[in-house]
Amino acid sequence: MKYPFHTKSKPAVGESGRKIIEAVRDCKPIVNAAAQATIYRIVEKRKVAASATTCREV
């Protein structure tokens, strides 16, 4: 997907703005549920891959 370079971000207002402010104040990540699920899936795959290589005898 191509993105034009002349796009501008819109301000977060209302409930979403409040959530962003709280996340920044509490040093929490700012991601949506789909992104968080993807992150967890990648982390779990890396944990399994790392444990498989560290237990291997040479």
PDB file of N, CA and C in Angstrom:
ATOM      1  N   MET A   1       0.848  -1.173   0.000  1.00  0.00           N
ATOM      2  CA  MET A   1       0.000   0.000   0.000  1.00  0.00           C
ATOM      3  C   MET A   1       0.892   1.234   0.000  1.00  0.00           C
ATOM      4  N   LYS A   2       0.589   2.173  -0.831  1.00  0.00           N
ATOM      5  CA  LYS A   2       1.386   3.389  -0.903  1.00  0.00           C
ATOM      6  C   LYS A   2       0.688   4.496  -0.123  1.00  0.00           C
ATOM      7  N   TYR A   3       1.473   5.278   0.594  1.00  0.00           N
ATOM      8  CA  TYR A   3       0.938   6.385   1.368  1.00  0.00           C
ATOM      9  C   TYR A   3       1.448   7.696   0.793  1.00  0.00           C
ATOM     10  N   PRO A   4       0.573   8.656   0.593  1.00  0.00           N
ATOM     11  CA  PRO A   4       1.050   9.964   0.116  1.00  0.00           C
ATOM     12  C   PRO A   4       1.807  10.685   1.222  1.00  0.00           C
ATOM     13  N   PHE A   5       2.753  11.505   0.833  1.00  0.00           N
ATOM     14  CA  PHE A   5       3.581  12.206   1.815  1.00  0.00           C
ATOM     15  C   PHE A   5       2.923  13.471   2.350  1.00  0.00           C
ATOM     16  N   HIS A   6       1.830  13.877   1.781  1.00  0.00           N
ATOM     17  CA  HIS A   6       1.194  15.124   2.198  1.00  0.00           C
ATOM     18  C   HIS A   6       0.071  14.909   3.211  1.00  0.00           C
ATOM     19  N   THR A   7       0.009  13.733   3.828  1.00  0.00           N
ATOM     20  CA  THR A   7      -1.048  13.483   4.810  1.00  0.00           C
ATOM     21  C   THR A   7      -0.697  14.147   6.132  1.00  0.00           C
ATOM     22  N   LYS A   8      -1.710  14.485   6.885  1.00  0.00           N
ATOM     23  CA  LYS A   8      -1.514  15.097   8.195  1.00  0.00           C
ATOM     24  C   LYS A   8      -2.277  14.282   9.225  1.00  0.00           C
ATOM     25  N   SER A   9      -1.676  14.165  10.406  1.00  0.00           N
ATOM     26  CA  SER A   9      -2.347  13.455  11.481  1.00  0.00           C
ATOM     27  C   SER A   9      -3.469  14.312  12.039  1.00  0.00           C
ATOM     28  N   LYS A  10      -4.525  13.659  12.458  1.00  0.00           N
ATOM     29  CA  LYS A  10      -5.629  14.373  13.085  1.00  0.00           C
ATOM     30  C   LYS A  10      -5.462  14.296  14.598  1.00  0.00           C
ATOM     31  N   PRO A  11      -5.866  15.314  15.319  1.00  0.00           N
ATOM     32  CA  PRO A  11      -5.725  15.281  16.778  1.00  0.00           C
ATOM     33  C   PRO A  11      -6.649  14.249  17.404  1.00  0.00           C
ATOM     34  N   ALA A  12      -6.171  13.634  18.474  1.00  0.00           N
ATOM     35  CA  ALA A  12      -6.995  12.688  19.221  1.00  0.00           C
ATOM     36  C   ALA A  12      -7.809  13.473  20.232  1.00  0.00           C
ATOM     37  N   VAL A  13      -9.119  13.340  20.182  1.00  0.00           N
ATOM     38  CA  VAL A  13      -9.991  14.076  21.090  1.00  0.00           C
ATOM     39  C   VAL A  13     -10.928  13.108  21.794  1.00  0.00           C
ATOM     40  N   GLY A  14     -11.520  13.561  22.856  1.00  0.00           N
ATOM     41  CA  GLY A  14     -12.507  12.760  23.564  1.00  0.00           C
ATOM     42  C   GLY A  14     -11.888  11.585  24.283  1.00  0.00           C
ATOM     43  N   GLU A  15     -12.555  10.447  24.206  1.00  0.00           N
ATOM     44  CA  GLU A  15     -12.118   9.232  24.909  1.00  0.00           C
ATOM     45  C   GLU A  15     -10.744   8.768  24.433  1.00  0.00           C
ATOM     46  N   SER A  16     -10.509   8.778  23.118  1.00  0.00           N
ATOM     47  CA  SER A  16      -9.210   8.326  22.610  1.00  0.00           C
ATOM     48  C   SER A  16      -8.091   9.257  23.059  1.00  0.00           C
ATOM     49  N   GLY A  17      -8.361  10.543  23.117  1.00  0.00           N
ATOM     50  CA  GLY A  17      -7.364  11.493  23.611  1.00  0.00           C
ATOM     51  C   GLY A  17      -7.017  11.250  25.065  1.00  0.00           C
ATOM     52  N   ARG A  18      -8.034  10.955  25.858  1.00  0.00           N
ATOM     53  CA  ARG A  18      -7.810  10.680  27.282  1.00  0.00           C
ATOM     54  C   ARG A  18      -6.969   9.424  27.464  1.00  0.00           C
ATOM     55  N   LYS A  19      -7.245   8.381  26.663  1.00  0.00           N
ATOM     56  CA  LYS A  19      -6.488   7.139  26.752  1.00  0.00           C
ATOM     57  C   LYS A  19      -5.018   7.361  26.385  1.00  0.00           C
ATOM     58  N   ILE A  20      -4.774   8.165  25.364  1.00  0.00           N
ATOM     59  CA  ILE A  20      -3.401   8.446  24.956  1.00  0.00           C
ATOM     60  C   ILE A  20      -2.660   9.219  26.045  1.00  0.00           C
ATOM     61  N   ILE A  21      -3.306  10.202  26.622  1.00  0.00           N
ATOM     62  CA  ILE A  21      -2.684  10.983  27.695  1.00  0.00           C
ATOM     63  C   ILE A  21      -2.345  10.085  28.885  1.00  0.00           C
ATOM     64  N   GLU A  22      -3.273   9.225  29.273  1.00  0.00           N
ATOM     65  CA  GLU A  22      -3.019   8.316  30.400  1.00  0.00           C
ATOM     66  C   GLU A  22      -1.886   7.344  30.081  1.00  0.00           C
ATOM     67  N   ALA A  23      -1.837   6.825  28.862  1.00  0.00           N
ATOM     68  CA  ALA A  23      -0.781   5.885  28.479  1.00  0.00           C
ATOM     69  C   ALA A  23       0.588   6.555  28.513  1.00  0.00           C
ATOM     70  N   VAL A  24       0.662   7.774  28.018  1.00  0.00           N
ATOM     71  CA  VAL A  24       1.930   8.504  28.038  1.00  0.00           C
ATOM     72  C   VAL A  24       2.339   8.809  29.470  1.00  0.00           C
ATOM     73  N   ARG A  25       1.405   9.232  30.274  1.00  0.00           N
ATOM     74  CA  ARG A  25       1.689   9.572  31.673  1.00  0.00           C
ATOM     75  C   ARG A  25       2.174   8.346  32.445  1.00  0.00           C
ATOM     76  N   ASP A  26       1.591   7.159  32.162  1.00  0.00           N
ATOM     77  CA  ASP A  26       1.935   5.934  32.875  1.00  0.00           C
ATOM     78  C   ASP A  26       3.043   5.138  32.185  1.00  0.00           C
ATOM     79  N   CYS A  27       3.637   5.682  31.113  1.00  0.00           N
ATOM     80  CA  CYS A  27       4.707   5.013  30.346  1.00  0.00           C
ATOM     81  C   CYS A  27       4.257   3.656  29.810  1.00  0.00           C
ATOM     82  N   LYS A  28       3.035   3.588  29.313  1.00  0.00           N
ATOM     83  CA  LYS A  28       2.494   2.361  28.723  1.00  0.00           C
ATOM     84  C   LYS A  28       2.557   2.469  27.206  1.00  0.00           C
ATOM     85  N   PRO A  29       2.612   1.336  26.511  1.00  0.00           N
ATOM     86  CA  PRO A  29       2.621   1.383  25.051  1.00  0.00           C
ATOM     87  C   PRO A  29       1.266   1.837  24.504  1.00  0.00           C
ATOM     88  N   ILE A  30       1.299   2.471  23.357  1.00  0.00           N
ATOM     89  CA  ILE A  30       0.077   2.946  22.720  1.00  0.00           C
ATOM     90  C   ILE A  30      -0.111   2.140  21.438  1.00  0.00           C
ATOM     91  N   VAL A  31      -0.923   1.073  21.516  1.00  0.00           N
ATOM     92  CA  VAL A  31      -1.209   0.231  20.359  1.00  0.00           C
ATOM     93  C   VAL A  31      -2.659  -0.220  20.421  1.00  0.00           C
ATOM     94  N   ASN A  32      -3.177  -0.616  19.279  1.00  0.00           N
ATOM     95  CA  ASN A  32      -4.541  -1.154  19.281  1.00  0.00           C
ATOM     96  C   ASN A  32      -4.504  -2.652  19.564  1.00  0.00           C
ATOM     97  N   ALA A  33      -5.633  -3.268  19.710  1.00  0.00           N
ATOM     98  CA  ALA A  33      -5.716  -4.677  20.102  1.00  0.00           C
ATOM     99  C   ALA A  33      -5.083  -5.597  19.061  1.00  0.00           C
ATOM    100  N   ALA A  34      -5.277  -5.314  17.789  1.00  0.00           N
ATOM    101  CA  ALA A  34      -4.710  -6.160  16.738  1.00  0.00           C
ATOM    102  C   ALA A  34      -3.184  -6.095  16.755  1.00  0.00           C
ATOM    103  N   ALA A  35      -2.637  -4.914  16.942  1.00  0.00           N
ATOM    104  CA  ALA A  35      -1.184  -4.766  17.006  1.00  0.00           C
ATOM    105  C   ALA A  35      -0.631  -5.465  18.241  1.00  0.00           C
ATOM    106  N   GLN A  36      -1.322  -5.342  19.360  1.00  0.00           N
ATOM    107  CA  GLN A  36      -0.871  -5.999  20.591  1.00  0.00           C
ATOM    108  C   GLN A  36      -0.873  -7.516  20.426  1.00  0.00           C
ATOM    109  N   ALA A  37      -1.885  -8.070  19.771  1.00  0.00           N
ATOM    110  CA  ALA A  37      -1.948  -9.510  19.533  1.00  0.00           C
ATOM    111  C   ALA A  37      -0.782  -9.964  18.647  1.00  0.00           C
ATOM    112  N   THR A  38      -0.468  -9.190  17.631  1.00  0.00           N
ATOM    113  CA  THR A  38       0.656  -9.511  16.755  1.00  0.00           C
ATOM    114  C   THR A  38       1.969  -9.478  17.522  1.00  0.00           C
ATOM    115  N   ILE A  39       2.136  -8.476  18.373  1.00  0.00           N
ATOM    116  CA  ILE A  39       3.356  -8.367  19.178  1.00  0.00           C
ATOM    117  C   ILE A  39       3.509  -9.584  20.078  1.00  0.00           C
ATOM    118  N   TYR A  40       2.455  -9.977  20.767  1.00  0.00           N
ATOM    119  CA  TYR A  40       2.513 -11.145  21.643  1.00  0.00           C
ATOM    120  C   TYR A  40       2.839 -12.415  20.862  1.00  0.00           C
ATOM    121  N   ARG A  41       2.261 -12.560  19.671  1.00  0.00           N
ATOM    122  CA  ARG A  41       2.514 -13.740  18.856  1.00  0.00           C
ATOM    123  C   ARG A  41       3.987 -13.802  18.434  1.00  0.00           C
ATOM    124  N   ILE A  42       4.565 -12.674  18.033  1.00  0.00           N
ATOM    125  CA  ILE A  42       5.972 -12.633  17.638  1.00  0.00           C
ATOM    126  C   ILE A  42       6.876 -12.948  18.828  1.00  0.00           C
ATOM    127  N   VAL A  43       6.569 -12.371  19.984  1.00  0.00           N
ATOM    128  CA  VAL A  43       7.369 -12.612  21.185  1.00  0.00           C
ATOM    129  C   VAL A  43       7.343 -14.092  21.558  1.00  0.00           C
ATOM    130  N   GLU A  44       6.172 -14.711  21.518  1.00  0.00           N
ATOM    131  CA  GLU A  44       6.074 -16.126  21.856  1.00  0.00           C
ATOM    132  C   GLU A  44       6.859 -16.994  20.876  1.00  0.00           C
ATOM    133  N   LYS A  45       6.803 -16.672  19.586  1.00  0.00           N
ATOM    134  CA  LYS A  45       7.572 -17.433  18.597  1.00  0.00           C
ATOM    135  C   LYS A  45       9.066 -17.300  18.865  1.00  0.00           C
ATOM    136  N   ARG A  46       9.515 -16.103  19.222  1.00  0.00           N
ATOM    137  CA  ARG A  46      10.940 -15.901  19.498  1.00  0.00           C
ATOM    138  C   ARG A  46      11.367 -16.622  20.772  1.00  0.00           C
ATOM    139  N   LYS A  47      10.487 -16.669  21.774  1.00  0.00           N
ATOM    140  CA  LYS A  47      10.808 -17.389  23.003  1.00  0.00           C
ATOM    141  C   LYS A  47      10.987 -18.876  22.698  1.00  0.00           C
ATOM    142  N   VAL A  48      10.089 -19.445  21.899  1.00  0.00           N
ATOM    143  CA  VAL A  48      10.171 -20.855  21.541  1.00  0.00           C
ATOM    144  C   VAL A  48      11.429 -21.120  20.724  1.00  0.00           C
ATOM    145  N   ALA A  49      11.721 -20.256  19.773  1.00  0.00           N
ATOM    146  CA  ALA A  49      12.911 -20.433  18.943  1.00  0.00           C
ATOM    147  C   ALA A  49      14.178 -20.308  19.776  1.00  0.00           C
ATOM    148  N   ALA A  50      14.211 -19.375  20.712  1.00  0.00           N
ATOM    149  CA  ALA A  50      15.394 -19.186  21.555  1.00  0.00           C
ATOM    150  C   ALA A  50      15.580 -20.373  22.478  1.00  0.00           C
ATOM    151  N   SER A  51      14.500 -20.883  23.043  1.00  0.00           N
ATOM    152  CA  SER A  51      14.638 -22.019  23.955  1.00  0.00           C
ATOM    153  C   SER A  51      15.034 -23.279  23.189  1.00  0.00           C
ATOM    154  N   ALA A  52      14.626 -23.409  21.956  1.00  0.00           N
ATOM    155  CA  ALA A  52      14.982 -24.578  21.155  1.00  0.00           C
ATOM    156  C   ALA A  52      16.471 -24.549  20.822  1.00  0.00           C
ATOM    157  N   THR A  53      17.039 -23.390  20.593  1.00  0.00           N
ATOM    158  CA  THR A  53      18.462 -23.316  20.240  1.00  0.00           C
ATOM    159  C   THR A  53      19.356 -23.392  21.469  1.00  0.00           C
ATOM    160  N   THR A  54      18.903 -22.960  22.629  1.00  0.00           N
ATOM    161  CA  THR A  54      19.740 -22.993  23.808  1.00  0.00           C
ATOM    162  C   THR A  54      19.794 -24.387  24.416  1.00  0.00           C
ATOM    163  N   CYS A  55      18.834 -25.236  24.168  1.00  0.00           N
ATOM    164  CA  CYS A  55      18.816 -26.579  24.733  1.00  0.00           C
ATOM    165  C   CYS A  55      19.518 -27.594  23.839  1.00  0.00           C
ATOM    166  N   ARG A  56      19.915 -27.185  22.677  1.00  0.00           N
ATOM    167  CA  ARG A  56      20.523 -28.093  21.714  1.00  0.00           C
ATOM    168  C   ARG A  56      21.968 -28.390  22.113  1.00  0.00           C
ATOM    169  N   GLU A  57      22.356 -29.652  22.044  1.00  0.00           N
ATOM    170  CA  GLU A  57      23.742 -30.038  22.326  1.00  0.00           C
ATOM    171  C   GLU A  57      24.557 -29.914  21.063  1.00  0.00           C
ATOM    172  N   VAL A  58      25.798 -29.468  21.221  1.00  0.00           N
ATOM    173  CA  VAL A  58      26.684 -29.284  20.060  1.00  0.00           C
ATOM    174  C   VAL A  58      27.697 -30.376  20.007  1.00  0.00           C
TER     175      VAL A  58
END
